[in-house]
């Protein structure tokens, strides 16, 4: 049984181990994205064969595994492709240079109005001395207003602290920081000066633009 499982796992059906070995070999000559695309295609061909043979022989477990491999290979290729796209784009190319400055003493209602108009979804928060002290991500704003209109001020609902990034960094690096707990928007600093902001919508727009 162990030998059977080992041989099965070494089939070049990405994302199983055999498929990952195939991608590693292809990556010696090709880019990681192209190597993943080829390995995923080979894996999907094998997956279709498994599905057909499984139905033909009434081995439904084999057919199910074929379906699982097919969709997993497609999903992982899309993930690697997205990483490749984001790695080629600098933050400075896509950051927003115009954005709303929220003060701790401001009401949250103007920010909510901008959010529901889909103009800005996440905000930077400053103290009375114009020092950046935190952020107001859309989920925190929505949570504060889930029970209806509120007279809350920004200082009551904002998230203290922030993750910063520079314009020379890649969107891949920015996306990794945006996945960190509590992160919704990144201030972009150049030479100690705040020059722009970047949030998840910028990442989504960059990927959508490449997919058109």
Foldseek 3Di string as FASTA:
>chain_A
DVVVVVVVQLDLQPPRPVVVVQLVVVVVPDPSLVSLVVSNVSNLVVLVVQLVVCVVVVVVVSNVVSVVSNVVSVVVSVVVVLLVLQQVAFQLVQFAQDDDEFEQQAFCVVVVVCCVVVNDAKAFYAYPVRHTFFIGGNVQSCVVAVPHDDRDGNNVRTDGDAAEEERRGTSSVVVVRCPDPPHAKYFYDDPNDGRGIDGVVSSVVSVVVVVD
